[in-house]
């Protein structure tokens, strides 16, 4: 991520509304510095929400990968058979 804008924390303190408008209009992240060092990044809400969703998906993928590595998986046919047995015990499944 390349940050095109950097602002000191004093700017944030005295120009909060302007900074919010800038984020809304430009859709670019803004690096906030404190004592000359990077402190945090202000991010447009759309990107923040998108990043959270992407992170959640990555976590799910990682959980799935770990389960496969631990041998806790089955093929689709086995999974469907197990699901049918759970939903329709002892052959109670109605033919369509």
N, C-alpha and C. Protein backbone atom coordinates (compact mmCIF):
# COMPACT_ATOMS: atom_id res chain seq x y z
N UNK A 1 0.85 -1.17 0.00
CA UNK A 1 0.00 0.00 0.00
C UNK A 1 0.90 1.23 0.00
N UNK A 2 0.72 2.07 -0.97
CA UNK A 2 1.49 3.29 -1.07
C UNK A 2 0.63 4.43 -0.54
N UNK A 3 1.12 5.11 0.47
CA UNK A 3 0.37 6.22 1.06
C UNK A 3 0.81 7.50 0.38
N UNK A 4 -0.15 8.16 -0.25
CA UNK A 4 0.19 9.38 -0.98
C UNK A 4 0.10 10.62 -0.10
N UNK A 5 -0.55 10.48 1.06
CA UNK A 5 -0.72 11.65 1.92
C UNK A 5 -0.25 11.34 3.33
N UNK A 6 0.43 12.31 3.90
CA UNK A 6 0.88 12.21 5.29
C UNK A 6 0.50 13.50 5.99
N UNK A 7 -0.06 13.34 7.19
CA UNK A 7 -0.45 14.51 7.97
C UNK A 7 0.02 14.31 9.41
N UNK A 8 0.44 15.39 10.07
CA UNK A 8 0.79 15.27 11.49
C UNK A 8 -0.49 15.16 12.33
N UNK A 9 -0.35 14.61 13.51
CA UNK A 9 -1.51 14.43 14.37
C UNK A 9 -2.15 15.77 14.74
N UNK A 10 -1.36 16.82 14.76
CA UNK A 10 -1.91 18.15 15.05
C UNK A 10 -2.91 18.57 13.97
N UNK A 11 -2.66 18.17 12.72
CA UNK A 11 -3.60 18.45 11.63
C UNK A 11 -4.90 17.71 11.88
N UNK A 12 -4.80 16.46 12.30
CA UNK A 12 -6.00 15.68 12.60
C UNK A 12 -6.81 16.34 13.71
N UNK A 13 -6.12 16.79 14.75
CA UNK A 13 -6.81 17.40 15.89
C UNK A 13 -7.56 18.67 15.49
N UNK A 14 -6.97 19.49 14.66
CA UNK A 14 -7.59 20.78 14.33
C UNK A 14 -8.41 20.76 13.05
N UNK A 15 -8.32 19.70 12.26
CA UNK A 15 -9.04 19.66 10.97
C UNK A 15 -9.75 18.32 10.76
N UNK A 16 -10.38 17.82 11.80
CA UNK A 16 -11.00 16.50 11.72
C UNK A 16 -12.05 16.41 10.62
N UNK A 17 -12.93 17.39 10.55
CA UNK A 17 -13.99 17.37 9.53
C UNK A 17 -13.40 17.41 8.12
N UNK A 18 -12.38 18.24 7.93
CA UNK A 18 -11.75 18.34 6.62
C UNK A 18 -11.07 17.02 6.23
N UNK A 19 -10.42 16.41 7.20
CA UNK A 19 -9.75 15.13 6.94
C UNK A 19 -10.78 14.06 6.58
N UNK A 20 -11.90 14.05 7.29
CA UNK A 20 -12.96 13.08 6.99
C UNK A 20 -13.49 13.30 5.58
N UNK A 21 -13.68 14.54 5.20
CA UNK A 21 -14.16 14.85 3.84
C UNK A 21 -13.13 14.44 2.79
N UNK A 22 -11.87 14.67 3.10
CA UNK A 22 -10.78 14.29 2.20
C UNK A 22 -10.78 12.77 1.97
N UNK A 23 -10.93 12.01 3.04
CA UNK A 23 -10.99 10.54 2.93
C UNK A 23 -12.19 10.12 2.09
N UNK A 24 -13.30 10.74 2.34
CA UNK A 24 -14.54 10.40 1.63
C UNK A 24 -14.42 10.70 0.13
N UNK A 25 -13.84 11.82 -0.21
CA UNK A 25 -13.77 12.24 -1.62
C UNK A 25 -12.63 11.56 -2.38
N UNK A 26 -11.46 11.47 -1.78
CA UNK A 26 -10.28 10.96 -2.49
C UNK A 26 -10.17 9.44 -2.45
N UNK A 27 -10.72 8.82 -1.43
CA UNK A 27 -10.62 7.36 -1.25
C UNK A 27 -9.17 6.90 -1.11
N UNK A 28 -8.29 7.78 -0.65
CA UNK A 28 -6.89 7.42 -0.41
C UNK A 28 -6.62 7.37 1.08
N UNK A 29 -5.81 6.42 1.51
CA UNK A 29 -5.41 6.34 2.91
C UNK A 29 -4.55 7.55 3.26
N UNK A 30 -4.59 7.94 4.53
CA UNK A 30 -3.78 9.06 5.00
C UNK A 30 -2.99 8.61 6.22
N UNK A 31 -1.68 8.72 6.13
CA UNK A 31 -0.80 8.36 7.24
C UNK A 31 -0.76 9.52 8.23
N UNK A 32 -1.00 9.22 9.49
CA UNK A 32 -0.92 10.22 10.55
C UNK A 32 0.36 9.97 11.33
N UNK A 33 1.14 11.04 11.50
CA UNK A 33 2.41 10.92 12.22
C UNK A 33 2.30 11.60 13.58
N UNK A 34 3.11 11.11 14.50
CA UNK A 34 3.21 11.72 15.83
C UNK A 34 4.69 11.83 16.16
N UNK A 35 5.13 13.04 16.43
CA UNK A 35 6.55 13.31 16.67
C UNK A 35 7.41 12.82 15.51
N UNK A 36 6.89 12.96 14.29
CA UNK A 36 7.63 12.62 13.09
C UNK A 36 7.63 11.14 12.71
N UNK A 37 7.03 10.31 13.54
CA UNK A 37 6.99 8.87 13.26
C UNK A 37 5.56 8.45 12.91
N UNK A 38 5.44 7.45 12.06
CA UNK A 38 4.12 6.93 11.69
C UNK A 38 3.40 6.45 12.94
N UNK A 39 2.15 6.89 13.12
CA UNK A 39 1.36 6.50 14.29
C UNK A 39 0.19 5.60 13.90
N UNK A 40 -0.54 6.01 12.87
CA UNK A 40 -1.66 5.20 12.38
C UNK A 40 -2.08 5.69 11.01
N UNK A 41 -3.01 4.96 10.41
CA UNK A 41 -3.49 5.28 9.07
C UNK A 41 -5.00 5.49 9.12
N UNK A 42 -5.46 6.55 8.52
CA UNK A 42 -6.90 6.78 8.35
C UNK A 42 -7.28 6.18 7.00
N UNK A 43 -8.35 5.38 7.01
CA UNK A 43 -8.76 4.63 5.84
C UNK A 43 -10.23 4.93 5.53
N UNK A 44 -10.59 5.13 4.26
CA UNK A 44 -12.01 5.31 3.92
C UNK A 44 -12.81 4.09 4.37
N UNK A 45 -14.03 4.32 4.85
CA UNK A 45 -14.84 3.25 5.43
C UNK A 45 -15.09 2.11 4.46
N UNK A 46 -15.25 2.40 3.19
CA UNK A 46 -15.50 1.34 2.21
C UNK A 46 -14.31 0.38 2.14
N UNK A 47 -13.11 0.93 2.16
CA UNK A 47 -11.92 0.09 2.11
C UNK A 47 -11.76 -0.68 3.41
N UNK A 48 -12.07 -0.03 4.53
CA UNK A 48 -11.98 -0.70 5.83
C UNK A 48 -12.90 -1.92 5.86
N UNK A 49 -14.15 -1.74 5.43
CA UNK A 49 -15.10 -2.85 5.41
C UNK A 49 -14.67 -3.94 4.44
N UNK A 50 -14.18 -3.55 3.29
CA UNK A 50 -13.69 -4.51 2.31
C UNK A 50 -12.51 -5.31 2.87
N UNK A 51 -11.60 -4.63 3.54
CA UNK A 51 -10.44 -5.30 4.14
C UNK A 51 -10.87 -6.28 5.22
N UNK A 52 -11.87 -5.90 6.02
CA UNK A 52 -12.36 -6.80 7.08
C UNK A 52 -12.98 -8.05 6.47
N UNK A 53 -13.74 -7.89 5.40
CA UNK A 53 -14.35 -9.04 4.74
C UNK A 53 -13.27 -9.95 4.14
N UNK A 54 -12.29 -9.35 3.51
CA UNK A 54 -11.20 -10.13 2.92
C UNK A 54 -10.44 -10.89 4.01
N UNK A 55 -10.20 -10.24 5.14
CA UNK A 55 -9.50 -10.89 6.24
C UNK A 55 -10.31 -12.06 6.78
N UNK A 56 -11.63 -11.89 6.90
CA UNK A 56 -12.48 -12.99 7.37
C UNK A 56 -12.41 -14.18 6.42
N UNK A 57 -12.44 -13.91 5.11
CA UNK A 57 -12.33 -15.00 4.14
C UNK A 57 -10.98 -15.70 4.23
N UNK A 58 -9.92 -14.93 4.40
CA UNK A 58 -8.58 -15.53 4.54
C UNK A 58 -8.50 -16.41 5.78
N UNK A 59 -9.14 -15.97 6.86
CA UNK A 59 -9.15 -16.79 8.08
C UNK A 59 -9.88 -18.10 7.85
N UNK A 60 -11.02 -18.04 7.14
CA UNK A 60 -11.76 -19.26 6.83
C UNK A 60 -10.95 -20.20 5.96
N UNK A 61 -10.28 -19.65 4.96
CA UNK A 61 -9.43 -20.47 4.10
C UNK A 61 -8.31 -21.13 4.89
N UNK A 62 -7.72 -20.37 5.80
CA UNK A 62 -6.64 -20.91 6.62
C UNK A 62 -7.15 -22.03 7.53
N UNK A 63 -8.35 -21.84 8.10
CA UNK A 63 -8.94 -22.89 8.93
C UNK A 63 -9.16 -24.15 8.12
N UNK A 64 -9.68 -24.00 6.90
CA UNK A 64 -9.89 -25.15 6.02
C UNK A 64 -8.59 -25.84 5.68
N UNK A 65 -7.56 -25.06 5.40
CA UNK A 65 -6.25 -25.63 5.08
C UNK A 65 -5.71 -26.43 6.26
N UNK A 66 -5.86 -25.88 7.46
CA UNK A 66 -5.38 -26.58 8.65
C UNK A 66 -6.14 -27.89 8.86
N UNK A 67 -7.45 -27.88 8.61
CA UNK A 67 -8.23 -29.10 8.76
C UNK A 67 -7.79 -30.17 7.76
N UNK A 68 -7.52 -29.76 6.53
CA UNK A 68 -7.03 -30.71 5.52
C UNK A 68 -5.68 -31.27 5.95
N UNK A 69 -4.78 -30.41 6.43
CA UNK A 69 -3.46 -30.85 6.87
C UNK A 69 -3.56 -31.83 8.05
N UNK A 70 -4.59 -31.68 8.88
CA UNK A 70 -4.78 -32.56 10.04
C UNK A 70 -5.60 -33.80 9.68
N UNK A 71 -5.96 -33.92 8.41
CA UNK A 71 -6.71 -35.09 7.96
C UNK A 71 -8.19 -35.05 8.29
N UNK A 72 -8.70 -33.90 8.68
CA UNK A 72 -10.11 -33.77 9.02
C UNK A 72 -10.88 -33.27 7.81
N UNK A 73 -11.06 -34.15 6.85
CA UNK A 73 -11.79 -33.79 5.64
C UNK A 73 -12.36 -35.06 5.02
N UNK A 74 -13.29 -34.88 4.11
CA UNK A 74 -13.85 -36.01 3.36
C UNK A 74 -14.20 -35.52 1.97
N UNK A 75 -14.36 -36.46 1.05
CA UNK A 75 -14.72 -36.02 -0.30
C UNK A 75 -16.22 -35.68 -0.32
N UNK A 76 -16.66 -35.07 -1.39
CA UNK A 76 -18.04 -34.56 -1.48
C UNK A 76 -19.06 -35.68 -1.34
N UNK A 77 -18.80 -36.83 -1.95
CA UNK A 77 -19.74 -37.95 -1.85
C UNK A 77 -19.91 -38.43 -0.43
N UNK A 78 -18.80 -38.55 0.30
CA UNK A 78 -18.85 -38.96 1.71
C UNK A 78 -19.61 -37.93 2.54
N UNK A 79 -19.35 -36.67 2.28
CA UNK A 79 -20.02 -35.60 3.03
C UNK A 79 -21.52 -35.62 2.78
N UNK A 80 -21.93 -35.80 1.52
CA UNK A 80 -23.36 -35.85 1.20
C UNK A 80 -24.03 -37.06 1.85
N UNK A 81 -23.37 -38.21 1.84
CA UNK A 81 -23.92 -39.41 2.47
C UNK A 81 -24.09 -39.20 3.97
N UNK A 82 -23.09 -38.62 4.61
CA UNK A 82 -23.17 -38.36 6.04
C UNK A 82 -24.28 -37.38 6.36
N UNK A 83 -24.44 -36.36 5.53
CA UNK A 83 -25.49 -35.37 5.73
C UNK A 83 -26.87 -36.00 5.56
N UNK A 84 -27.03 -36.82 4.54
CA UNK A 84 -28.31 -37.50 4.32
C UNK A 84 -28.64 -38.41 5.49
N UNK A 85 -27.66 -39.14 6.00
CA UNK A 85 -27.91 -40.03 7.14
C UNK A 85 -28.30 -39.24 8.38
N UNK A 86 -27.71 -38.06 8.55
CA UNK A 86 -28.05 -37.24 9.70
C UNK A 86 -29.45 -36.65 9.56
N UNK A 87 -29.80 -36.20 8.36
CA UNK A 87 -31.10 -35.59 8.14
C UNK A 87 -32.22 -36.61 8.03
N UNK A 88 -31.93 -37.76 7.45
CA UNK A 88 -32.94 -38.78 7.19
C UNK A 88 -32.46 -40.13 7.73
N UNK A 89 -32.52 -40.33 9.04
CA UNK A 89 -32.02 -41.58 9.60
C UNK A 89 -32.84 -42.79 9.14
N UNK A 90 -32.17 -43.91 9.05
CA UNK A 90 -32.78 -45.21 8.74
C UNK A 90 -33.64 -45.18 7.48
N UNK A 91 -33.14 -44.58 6.43
CA UNK A 91 -33.82 -44.63 5.14
C UNK A 91 -35.13 -43.88 5.07
N UNK A 92 -35.31 -42.84 5.87
CA UNK A 92 -36.55 -42.08 5.87
C UNK A 92 -36.62 -41.06 4.74
N UNK A 93 -35.62 -41.03 3.91
CA UNK A 93 -35.58 -40.06 2.81
C UNK A 93 -36.66 -40.40 1.80
N UNK A 94 -37.42 -39.38 1.44
CA UNK A 94 -38.48 -39.56 0.45
C UNK A 94 -37.91 -39.39 -0.93
N UNK A 95 -38.29 -40.26 -1.82
CA UNK A 95 -37.85 -40.17 -3.22
C UNK A 95 -38.68 -39.11 -3.92
N UNK A 96 -38.02 -38.32 -4.74
CA UNK A 96 -38.71 -37.27 -5.49
C UNK A 96 -38.87 -37.68 -6.92
